[in-house]
Amino acid sequence: MNDEDDERRGRPDGHRYEAPESDESRVSKEWVYAVLGIIVLGLMVLIATGKVQIFPGG
């Protein structure tokens, strides 16, 4: 590409244009966030029930 094409695709804030994510990439991220959310909720339940102690001792 030449400089004219680069200028045309640039944005006023100086960042280059980024193509939208593919559906496959977006769905993959959704699954990862869902799994992380379930893990966090599970840890919260374990902490609330006393199975996992944050400050062990006394």
Protein backbone atom coordinates (compact mmCIF):
# COMPACT_ATOMS: atom_id res chain seq x y z
CA MET A 1 0.00 0.00 0.00
CA ASN A 2 1.08 3.52 -0.49
CA ASP A 3 0.99 6.45 1.93
CA GLU A 4 -2.26 7.81 0.47
CA ASP A 5 -4.10 4.60 1.34
CA ASP A 6 -2.66 4.66 4.84
CA GLU A 7 -3.80 8.26 5.37
CA ARG A 8 -7.30 7.49 4.16
CA ARG A 9 -7.67 4.58 6.59
CA GLY A 10 -6.28 6.53 9.52
CA ARG A 11 -8.52 8.12 12.13
CA PRO A 12 -8.32 11.69 13.45
CA ASP A 13 -7.00 10.46 16.81
CA GLY A 14 -3.96 8.93 15.08
CA HIS A 15 -4.95 5.29 15.53
CA ARG A 16 -5.23 3.03 12.53
CA TYR A 17 -8.47 1.33 11.61
CA GLU A 18 -8.93 -2.10 13.13
CA ALA A 19 -11.16 -4.60 11.36
CA PRO A 20 -14.07 -6.00 13.37
CA GLU A 21 -13.55 -9.32 15.10
CA SER A 22 -14.62 -12.47 13.35
CA ASP A 23 -17.64 -14.28 14.75
CA GLU A 24 -15.43 -17.21 15.71
CA SER A 25 -13.11 -14.97 17.73
CA ARG A 26 -16.00 -13.21 19.46
CA VAL A 27 -17.73 -16.48 20.41
CA SER A 28 -14.45 -17.87 21.70
CA LYS A 29 -13.99 -14.85 23.97
CA GLU A 30 -17.58 -15.18 25.23
CA TRP A 31 -16.93 -18.78 26.26
CA VAL A 32 -13.70 -17.83 28.03
CA TYR A 33 -15.42 -15.05 29.98
CA ALA A 34 -18.30 -17.39 30.88
CA VAL A 35 -15.89 -20.02 32.23
CA LEU A 36 -13.95 -17.41 34.21
CA GLY A 37 -17.21 -16.08 35.64
CA ILE A 38 -18.26 -19.56 36.76
CA ILE A 39 -14.87 -20.12 38.41
CA VAL A 40 -15.10 -16.80 40.26
CA LEU A 41 -18.66 -17.55 41.41
CA GLY A 42 -17.54 -20.99 42.58
CA LEU A 43 -14.71 -19.49 44.60
CA MET A 44 -17.07 -16.94 46.13
CA VAL A 45 -19.44 -19.71 47.21
CA LEU A 46 -16.58 -21.73 48.69
CA ILE A 47 -15.32 -18.69 50.60
CA ALA A 48 -18.82 -17.81 51.83
CA THR A 49 -19.44 -21.35 53.10
CA GLY A 50 -16.07 -21.51 54.84
CA LYS A 51 -14.60 -24.33 52.72
CA VAL A 52 -11.83 -22.00 51.56
CA GLN A 53 -10.32 -19.66 54.13
CA ILE A 54 -8.90 -16.33 53.07
CA PHE A 55 -7.10 -15.72 56.35
CA PRO A 56 -6.32 -19.13 57.84
CA GLY A 57 -5.57 -19.48 61.51
CA GLY A 58 -6.93 -18.59 64.91
